[in-house]
Amino acid sequence: MLEKTINGFSVVAYATQPEGRTPARAFLETRRLAPKAKPAEAGTDANAAGTPPADLDTDTDADKPEGQPFEIFVSRRFRSAIEAMSAARNALDRVKSVDEDGVPDHLPE
């Protein structure tokens, strides 16, 4: 998998292996990056030891960003996962921006 950060989104290119009669497929996936936490001031006791405050639950599923996959080159039949990954890598190189909904701009068909 290859990753690129654009407009607050992580854009990942990957491919799947062929399975039975299903050929290898290429994908781009966008995931909103979590906002960076502000550094703690030196005088606070809770963050001085590097532990998060007790009122923050860091293990909830709601905090984890959900990925939005886009299958690319749908009309193409890749002979192998290597060929599909190469196409996904090339598509990732062409992505220049991501809109606020997580849709990459230049999304190949």
N, C-alpha and C. Protein backbone atom coordinates (compact mmCIF):
# COMPACT_ATOMS: atom_id res chain seq x y z
N MET A 1 0.84 -1.18 0.00
CA MET A 1 0.00 0.00 0.00
C MET A 1 0.88 1.24 0.00
N LEU A 2 0.48 2.20 -0.74
CA LEU A 2 1.15 3.49 -0.78
C LEU A 2 0.20 4.53 -0.20
N GLU A 3 0.77 5.52 0.48
CA GLU A 3 -0.06 6.53 1.15
C GLU A 3 0.46 7.92 0.82
N LYS A 4 -0.50 8.84 0.71
CA LYS A 4 -0.21 10.24 0.44
C LYS A 4 -1.16 11.07 1.29
N THR A 5 -0.70 12.15 1.89
CA THR A 5 -1.55 13.02 2.69
C THR A 5 -1.89 14.27 1.88
N ILE A 6 -3.22 14.50 1.70
CA ILE A 6 -3.69 15.63 0.90
C ILE A 6 -4.90 16.24 1.61
N ASN A 7 -4.87 17.55 1.84
CA ASN A 7 -6.01 18.31 2.39
C ASN A 7 -6.60 17.68 3.64
N GLY A 8 -5.80 17.18 4.54
CA GLY A 8 -6.31 16.60 5.78
C GLY A 8 -6.83 15.19 5.63
N PHE A 9 -6.57 14.55 4.51
CA PHE A 9 -6.98 13.18 4.26
C PHE A 9 -5.77 12.33 3.95
N SER A 10 -5.82 11.10 4.37
CA SER A 10 -4.83 10.11 3.99
C SER A 10 -5.40 9.39 2.77
N VAL A 11 -4.68 9.39 1.67
CA VAL A 11 -5.13 8.72 0.44
C VAL A 11 -4.21 7.52 0.24
N VAL A 12 -4.82 6.33 0.17
CA VAL A 12 -4.06 5.08 0.10
C VAL A 12 -4.40 4.38 -1.21
N ALA A 13 -3.38 3.84 -1.88
CA ALA A 13 -3.57 3.05 -3.09
C ALA A 13 -3.27 1.60 -2.74
N TYR A 14 -4.16 0.69 -3.16
CA TYR A 14 -3.91 -0.74 -2.94
C TYR A 14 -4.63 -1.56 -4.00
N ALA A 15 -4.29 -2.83 -4.05
CA ALA A 15 -4.89 -3.75 -5.01
C ALA A 15 -5.27 -5.04 -4.31
N THR A 16 -6.22 -5.76 -4.90
CA THR A 16 -6.63 -7.06 -4.35
C THR A 16 -6.14 -8.17 -5.27
N GLN A 17 -5.97 -9.33 -4.71
CA GLN A 17 -5.57 -10.51 -5.48
C GLN A 17 -6.75 -11.02 -6.29
N PRO A 18 -6.49 -11.64 -7.44
CA PRO A 18 -7.59 -12.27 -8.16
C PRO A 18 -8.11 -13.47 -7.37
N GLU A 19 -9.43 -13.67 -7.39
CA GLU A 19 -10.05 -14.80 -6.68
C GLU A 19 -11.03 -15.49 -7.63
N GLY A 20 -10.74 -16.70 -7.99
CA GLY A 20 -11.62 -17.43 -8.90
C GLY A 20 -11.77 -16.69 -10.22
N ARG A 21 -13.01 -16.34 -10.54
CA ARG A 21 -13.28 -15.62 -11.78
C ARG A 21 -13.21 -14.11 -11.60
N THR A 22 -12.99 -13.64 -10.38
CA THR A 22 -12.88 -12.20 -10.11
C THR A 22 -11.43 -11.77 -10.34
N PRO A 23 -11.23 -10.84 -11.27
CA PRO A 23 -9.85 -10.41 -11.54
C PRO A 23 -9.30 -9.53 -10.41
N ALA A 24 -8.01 -9.27 -10.46
CA ALA A 24 -7.40 -8.34 -9.51
C ALA A 24 -8.05 -6.97 -9.71
N ARG A 25 -8.19 -6.23 -8.61
CA ARG A 25 -8.85 -4.92 -8.67
C ARG A 25 -7.96 -3.87 -8.01
N ALA A 26 -8.08 -2.62 -8.47
CA ALA A 26 -7.30 -1.50 -7.95
C ALA A 26 -8.23 -0.54 -7.21
N PHE A 27 -7.73 0.02 -6.10
CA PHE A 27 -8.53 0.90 -5.26
C PHE A 27 -7.72 2.11 -4.81
N LEU A 28 -8.43 3.22 -4.58
CA LEU A 28 -7.93 4.36 -3.82
C LEU A 28 -8.87 4.49 -2.63
N GLU A 29 -8.32 4.73 -1.46
CA GLU A 29 -9.15 4.88 -0.27
C GLU A 29 -8.74 6.16 0.44
N THR A 30 -9.74 6.95 0.85
CA THR A 30 -9.47 8.17 1.59
C THR A 30 -9.95 8.00 3.02
N ARG A 31 -9.20 8.57 3.93
CA ARG A 31 -9.55 8.52 5.35
C ARG A 31 -9.18 9.86 5.97
N ARG A 32 -10.15 10.50 6.64
CA ARG A 32 -9.89 11.79 7.28
C ARG A 32 -8.89 11.58 8.41
N LEU A 33 -7.87 12.43 8.42
CA LEU A 33 -6.87 12.35 9.48
C LEU A 33 -7.41 13.00 10.74
N ALA A 34 -7.11 12.41 11.87
CA ALA A 34 -7.53 12.96 13.15
C ALA A 34 -6.78 14.27 13.38
N PRO A 35 -7.47 15.27 13.93
CA PRO A 35 -6.77 16.53 14.20
C PRO A 35 -5.67 16.32 15.23
N LYS A 36 -4.57 17.00 15.02
CA LYS A 36 -3.44 16.85 15.94
C LYS A 36 -3.78 17.54 17.26
N ALA A 37 -3.43 16.88 18.36
CA ALA A 37 -3.67 17.45 19.67
C ALA A 37 -2.65 18.54 19.93
N LYS A 38 -3.10 19.58 20.64
CA LYS A 38 -2.19 20.66 20.98
C LYS A 38 -1.22 20.16 22.03
N PRO A 39 0.02 20.58 21.97
CA PRO A 39 0.97 20.13 22.99
C PRO A 39 0.57 20.66 24.36
N ALA A 40 0.76 19.84 25.37
CA ALA A 40 0.39 20.20 26.73
C ALA A 40 1.37 21.21 27.29
N GLU A 41 0.83 22.05 28.14
CA GLU A 41 1.71 23.01 28.81
C GLU A 41 2.54 22.28 29.85
N ALA A 42 3.70 22.79 30.14
CA ALA A 42 4.62 22.10 31.04
C ALA A 42 4.10 22.01 32.46
N GLY A 43 3.19 22.87 32.88
CA GLY A 43 2.73 22.90 34.26
C GLY A 43 1.57 21.97 34.57
N THR A 44 1.00 21.28 33.59
CA THR A 44 -0.15 20.42 33.87
C THR A 44 0.30 19.07 34.38
N ASP A 45 -0.36 18.57 35.42
CA ASP A 45 0.02 17.31 36.03
C ASP A 45 -0.41 16.10 35.21
N ALA A 46 -1.61 16.15 34.59
CA ALA A 46 -2.14 14.99 33.88
C ALA A 46 -1.30 14.65 32.65
N ASN A 47 -0.82 15.67 31.96
CA ASN A 47 -0.07 15.41 30.74
C ASN A 47 1.43 15.43 30.95
N ALA A 48 1.88 15.75 32.14
CA ALA A 48 3.32 15.81 32.38
C ALA A 48 3.95 14.42 32.26
N ALA A 49 3.22 13.40 32.65
CA ALA A 49 3.75 12.03 32.56
C ALA A 49 3.46 11.39 31.21
N GLY A 50 2.82 12.14 30.30
CA GLY A 50 2.54 11.61 28.98
C GLY A 50 1.25 10.81 28.91
N THR A 51 0.43 10.86 29.95
CA THR A 51 -0.84 10.13 29.95
C THR A 51 -1.95 11.07 29.55
N PRO A 52 -2.96 10.57 28.83
CA PRO A 52 -4.07 11.43 28.44
C PRO A 52 -4.94 11.73 29.66
N PRO A 53 -5.68 12.84 29.62
CA PRO A 53 -6.61 13.13 30.71
C PRO A 53 -7.64 12.03 30.85
N ALA A 54 -8.17 11.86 32.06
CA ALA A 54 -9.09 10.76 32.35
C ALA A 54 -10.41 10.88 31.59
N ASP A 55 -10.82 12.11 31.24
CA ASP A 55 -12.11 12.27 30.58
C ASP A 55 -12.05 11.96 29.09
N LEU A 56 -10.88 11.71 28.54
CA LEU A 56 -10.76 11.35 27.13
C LEU A 56 -10.66 9.85 26.99
N ASP A 57 -11.61 9.24 26.27
CA ASP A 57 -11.57 7.80 26.02
C ASP A 57 -10.96 7.60 24.64
N THR A 58 -9.73 7.14 24.58
CA THR A 58 -9.01 7.04 23.31
C THR A 58 -9.30 5.75 22.56
N ASP A 59 -10.05 4.82 23.13
CA ASP A 59 -10.27 3.53 22.49
C ASP A 59 -11.65 3.38 21.86
N THR A 60 -12.40 4.44 21.71
CA THR A 60 -13.74 4.32 21.15
C THR A 60 -13.69 4.21 19.64
N ASP A 61 -14.66 3.52 19.06
CA ASP A 61 -14.74 3.37 17.62
C ASP A 61 -15.14 4.67 16.94
N ALA A 62 -15.82 5.57 17.67
CA ALA A 62 -16.26 6.83 17.09
C ALA A 62 -15.07 7.73 16.77
N ASP A 63 -13.97 7.59 17.49
CA ASP A 63 -12.80 8.42 17.25
C ASP A 63 -11.99 7.96 16.04
N LYS A 64 -12.14 6.71 15.66
CA LYS A 64 -11.36 6.17 14.55
C LYS A 64 -11.98 6.61 13.23
N PRO A 65 -11.18 7.22 12.35
CA PRO A 65 -11.75 7.64 11.06
C PRO A 65 -12.07 6.43 10.20
N GLU A 66 -13.17 6.53 9.48
CA GLU A 66 -13.60 5.43 8.62
C GLU A 66 -13.14 5.71 7.20
N GLY A 67 -12.60 4.70 6.55
CA GLY A 67 -12.10 4.85 5.20
C GLY A 67 -13.22 4.82 4.18
N GLN A 68 -12.99 5.50 3.06
CA GLN A 68 -13.96 5.53 1.97
C GLN A 68 -13.26 5.00 0.72
N PRO A 69 -13.50 3.72 0.36
CA PRO A 69 -12.80 3.15 -0.79
C PRO A 69 -13.46 3.52 -2.12
N PHE A 70 -12.63 3.67 -3.14
CA PHE A 70 -13.09 3.94 -4.50
C PHE A 70 -12.40 2.94 -5.41
N GLU A 71 -13.19 2.10 -6.07
CA GLU A 71 -12.59 1.18 -7.04
C GLU A 71 -12.28 1.97 -8.30
N ILE A 72 -11.08 1.80 -8.81
CA ILE A 72 -10.66 2.55 -10.00
C ILE A 72 -10.38 1.59 -11.14
N PHE A 73 -10.46 2.10 -12.34
CA PHE A 73 -10.24 1.31 -13.55
C PHE A 73 -11.18 0.09 -13.55
N VAL A 74 -12.47 0.33 -13.31
CA VAL A 74 -13.45 -0.75 -13.20
C VAL A 74 -13.58 -1.52 -14.50
N SER A 75 -13.48 -0.84 -15.63
CA SER A 75 -13.68 -1.51 -16.92
C SER A 75 -12.45 -2.30 -17.36
N ARG A 76 -11.36 -2.15 -16.63
CA ARG A 76 -10.12 -2.85 -16.99
C ARG A 76 -10.01 -4.18 -16.27
N ARG A 77 -9.49 -5.18 -16.95
CA ARG A 77 -9.25 -6.50 -16.32
C ARG A 77 -7.75 -6.66 -16.13
N PHE A 78 -7.32 -6.64 -14.88
CA PHE A 78 -5.90 -6.79 -14.57
C PHE A 78 -5.56 -8.27 -14.53
N ARG A 79 -4.42 -8.64 -15.08
CA ARG A 79 -4.00 -10.05 -15.09
C ARG A 79 -3.45 -10.49 -13.74
N SER A 80 -2.92 -9.53 -12.97
CA SER A 80 -2.32 -9.88 -11.68
C SER A 80 -2.47 -8.72 -10.71
N ALA A 81 -2.23 -9.00 -9.44
CA ALA A 81 -2.29 -7.96 -8.42
C ALA A 81 -1.16 -6.96 -8.63
N ILE A 82 -0.05 -7.40 -9.19
CA ILE A 82 1.07 -6.49 -9.46
C ILE A 82 0.67 -5.44 -10.49
N GLU A 83 -0.01 -5.88 -11.53
CA GLU A 83 -0.48 -4.95 -12.56
C GLU A 83 -1.52 -3.99 -11.98
N ALA A 84 -2.42 -4.49 -11.14
CA ALA A 84 -3.44 -3.65 -10.51
C ALA A 84 -2.80 -2.65 -9.56
N MET A 85 -1.78 -3.07 -8.80
CA MET A 85 -1.10 -2.17 -7.87
C MET A 85 -0.35 -1.09 -8.62
N SER A 86 0.22 -1.42 -9.74
CA SER A 86 0.91 -0.42 -10.56
C SER A 86 -0.07 0.64 -11.05
N ALA A 87 -1.26 0.21 -11.48
CA ALA A 87 -2.28 1.16 -11.93
C ALA A 87 -2.76 2.02 -10.75
N ALA A 88 -2.92 1.42 -9.56
CA ALA A 88 -3.35 2.18 -8.38
C ALA A 88 -2.29 3.20 -8.00
N ARG A 89 -1.02 2.81 -8.07
CA ARG A 89 0.09 3.73 -7.75
C ARG A 89 0.10 4.91 -8.72
N ASN A 90 -0.10 4.65 -10.00
CA ASN A 90 -0.14 5.72 -10.99
C ASN A 90 -1.33 6.65 -10.75
N ALA A 91 -2.47 6.08 -10.37
CA ALA A 91 -3.64 6.90 -10.08
C ALA A 91 -3.39 7.78 -8.85
N LEU A 92 -2.73 7.23 -7.84
CA LEU A 92 -2.41 8.01 -6.63
C LEU A 92 -1.49 9.17 -6.97
N ASP A 93 -0.56 8.97 -7.87
CA ASP A 93 0.34 10.04 -8.27
C ASP A 93 -0.40 11.19 -8.95
N ARG A 94 -1.53 10.90 -9.60
CA ARG A 94 -2.30 11.93 -10.30
C ARG A 94 -3.27 12.68 -9.40
N VAL A 95 -3.53 12.17 -8.19
CA VAL A 95 -4.46 12.85 -7.28
C VAL A 95 -3.79 14.11 -6.76
N LYS A 96 -4.43 15.25 -6.98
CA LYS A 96 -3.88 16.54 -6.56
C LYS A 96 -4.63 17.15 -5.38
N SER A 97 -5.91 16.79 -5.20
CA SER A 97 -6.68 17.34 -4.09
C SER A 97 -7.78 16.35 -3.69
N VAL A 98 -8.33 16.58 -2.50
CA VAL A 98 -9.44 15.78 -1.98
C VAL A 98 -10.48 16.77 -1.48
N ASP A 99 -11.74 16.61 -1.91
CA ASP A 99 -12.77 17.55 -1.44
C ASP A 99 -13.18 17.23 -0.01
N GLU A 100 -14.07 18.05 0.56
CA GLU A 100 -14.44 17.90 1.97
C GLU A 100 -15.21 16.62 2.26
N ASP A 101 -15.73 15.95 1.22
CA ASP A 101 -16.42 14.68 1.40
C ASP A 101 -15.48 13.49 1.28
N GLY A 102 -14.20 13.74 0.98
CA GLY A 102 -13.22 12.67 0.87
C GLY A 102 -13.08 12.08 -0.52
N VAL A 103 -13.61 12.78 -1.53
CA VAL A 103 -13.52 12.27 -2.90
C VAL A 103 -12.26 12.85 -3.54
N PRO A 104 -11.33 12.00 -3.98
CA PRO A 104 -10.11 12.53 -4.60
C PRO A 104 -10.38 13.13 -5.97
N ASP A 105 -9.67 14.20 -6.28
CA ASP A 105 -9.79 14.82 -7.60
C ASP A 105 -8.61 14.37 -8.42
N HIS A 106 -8.59 13.88 -9.24
CA HIS A 106 -8.63 13.14 -10.44
C HIS A 106 -8.80 11.67 -10.10
N LEU A 107 -10.07 11.26 -10.09
CA LEU A 107 -10.42 9.87 -9.80
C LEU A 107 -10.66 9.16 -11.13
N PRO A 108 -9.77 8.24 -11.50
CA PRO A 108 -9.96 7.54 -12.77
C PRO A 108 -11.19 6.64 -12.76
N GLU A 109 -11.73 6.39 -13.93
CA GLU A 109 -12.94 5.56 -14.03
C GLU A 109 -12.60 4.10 -13.99
